[in-house]
Amino acid sequence: MALSDPQVISINAVAVNHARTDLAKNKGSFVSADGLSELTISSTFNAKTGASTLVRLDQKKPVTGATGVVSISKASVWFVCRRPDNGTWSSAELSKLAEGLSDYISSANFSRIIVGEA
């Protein structure tokens, strides 16, 4: 089963469509029309180490240096969920865990964490 195409992510209250560019077993990639934003989703399953799912958003922007040369600067944010692959955690339980972390990151805490506070 695959996620719908496109995937929409709102950045600074602007909805950005990300069209599918790759589909492989347990992996999908989606890119914005301007190519400046890419969403990657992948999962791995291992009997010993458990399962791991990655959701990653990369964004690029042009920046002008002191010499007037334009280059591309890239930032990435990702979320990884690691869990035993034995069914001891339900999707609902993992969703609540993810929502809790997402709410924490969405709050003023992230502004403090990103500058190095711990």
Protein backbone atom coordinates (compact mmCIF):
# COMPACT_ATOMS: atom_id res chain seq x y z
CA MET A 1 0.00 0.00 0.00
CA ALA A 2 1.30 3.46 -0.85
CA LEU A 3 0.58 6.94 0.47
CA SER A 4 -1.51 9.19 -1.74
CA ASP A 5 0.10 11.40 -4.33
CA PRO A 6 0.71 14.26 -3.73
CA GLN A 7 1.57 14.60 -0.05
CA VAL A 8 0.86 18.09 1.34
CA ILE A 9 2.99 19.71 4.05
CA SER A 10 2.25 23.18 5.42
CA ILE A 11 5.35 25.25 6.04
CA ASN A 12 4.77 28.63 7.66
CA ALA A 13 1.02 28.24 6.97
CA VAL A 14 1.62 27.65 3.24
CA ALA A 15 0.50 24.28 1.89
CA VAL A 16 3.15 22.73 -0.35
CA ASN A 17 2.29 19.80 -2.61
CA HIS A 18 4.96 17.11 -2.84
CA ALA A 19 4.53 14.83 -5.85
CA ARG A 20 5.75 11.25 -5.73
CA THR A 21 9.13 10.79 -7.41
CA ASP A 22 10.06 7.32 -6.14
CA LEU A 23 8.29 4.26 -4.83
CA ALA A 24 10.17 1.20 -3.63
CA LYS A 25 9.49 -1.47 -1.04
CA ASN A 26 8.88 0.37 2.25
CA LYS A 27 10.16 3.68 0.82
CA GLY A 28 8.66 6.69 -0.90
CA SER A 29 10.01 10.07 -2.00
CA PHE A 30 8.02 13.21 -2.79
CA VAL A 31 9.32 16.51 -4.18
CA SER A 32 7.74 19.96 -4.46
CA ALA A 33 7.17 21.44 -7.92
CA ASP A 34 10.03 23.93 -7.47
CA GLY A 35 12.38 21.16 -6.27
CA LEU A 36 13.21 23.03 -3.08
CA SER A 37 11.42 20.66 -0.70
CA GLU A 38 11.65 16.86 -0.48
CA LEU A 39 9.78 14.43 1.76
CA THR A 40 11.23 10.96 2.31
CA ILE A 41 9.45 8.16 4.16
CA SER A 42 11.06 4.77 4.76
CA SER A 43 10.75 1.77 7.06
CA THR A 44 13.08 -1.10 7.91
CA PHE A 45 12.21 -4.32 9.70
CA ASN A 46 14.70 -6.55 11.52
CA ALA A 47 13.93 -9.49 13.79
CA LYS A 48 16.80 -8.62 16.17
CA THR A 49 16.70 -4.83 16.30
CA GLY A 50 13.00 -4.24 15.64
CA ALA A 51 11.36 -1.87 13.22
CA SER A 52 12.32 1.69 12.38
CA THR A 53 10.37 4.29 10.41
CA LEU A 54 11.86 7.54 9.15
CA VAL A 55 9.92 10.63 8.05
CA ARG A 56 12.30 13.30 6.75
CA LEU A 57 11.75 16.74 5.24
CA ASP A 58 14.63 18.46 3.42
CA GLN A 59 14.34 22.05 2.27
CA LYS A 60 16.70 24.11 0.14
CA LYS A 61 16.90 27.85 -0.35
CA PRO A 62 19.13 30.06 -2.44
CA VAL A 63 21.43 32.34 -0.46
CA THR A 64 23.64 35.14 -1.70
CA GLY A 65 27.13 35.22 -0.23
CA ALA A 66 29.25 38.31 0.48
CA THR A 67 30.75 38.07 -3.01
CA GLY A 68 27.32 38.05 -4.63
CA VAL A 69 27.54 34.37 -5.56
CA VAL A 70 24.27 32.51 -5.10
CA SER A 71 24.50 29.06 -3.55
CA ILE A 72 21.99 26.60 -2.15
CA SER A 73 21.63 26.13 1.61
CA LYS A 74 19.88 22.97 2.87
CA ALA A 75 18.19 22.15 6.17
CA SER A 76 16.59 18.87 7.24
CA VAL A 77 14.18 17.80 9.95
CA TRP A 78 13.37 14.18 10.57
CA PHE A 79 11.45 11.96 12.90
CA VAL A 80 12.40 8.35 13.59
CA CYS A 81 10.19 5.85 15.35
CA ARG A 82 11.99 2.73 16.64
CA ARG A 83 9.97 -0.07 18.12
CA PRO A 84 10.12 -3.81 18.68
CA ASP A 85 8.78 -5.68 15.68
CA ASN A 86 6.79 -8.09 17.85
CA GLY A 87 3.43 -6.34 18.07
CA THR A 88 3.79 -5.18 21.69
CA TRP A 89 3.08 -1.56 20.65
CA SER A 90 -0.11 -0.75 18.75
CA SER A 91 -0.35 1.89 16.03
CA ALA A 92 -2.58 3.91 18.36
CA GLU A 93 -0.01 3.82 21.17
CA LEU A 94 2.82 4.83 18.83
CA SER A 95 0.66 7.60 17.34
CA LYS A 96 0.02 9.04 20.83
CA LEU A 97 3.76 8.92 21.55
CA ALA A 98 4.52 10.71 18.26
CA GLU A 99 1.80 13.30 18.88
CA GLY A 100 3.25 14.04 22.31
CA LEU A 101 6.71 14.65 20.88
CA SER A 102 5.29 16.68 17.98
CA ASP A 103 3.37 18.91 20.40
CA TYR A 104 6.52 19.37 22.48
CA ILE A 105 8.56 20.34 19.42
CA SER A 106 5.81 22.69 18.18
CA SER A 107 5.90 24.61 21.43
CA ALA A 108 8.36 27.30 22.51
CA ASN A 109 10.66 24.50 23.70
CA PHE A 110 12.06 23.95 20.21
CA SER A 111 13.27 27.56 19.91
CA ARG A 112 15.36 26.94 23.01
CA ILE A 113 16.53 23.44 22.05
CA ILE A 114 17.67 24.45 18.53
CA VAL A 115 20.17 26.93 19.98
CA GLY A 116 21.73 24.27 22.19
CA GLU A 117 19.78 24.23 25.45
CA ALA A 118 19.29 20.80 26.97
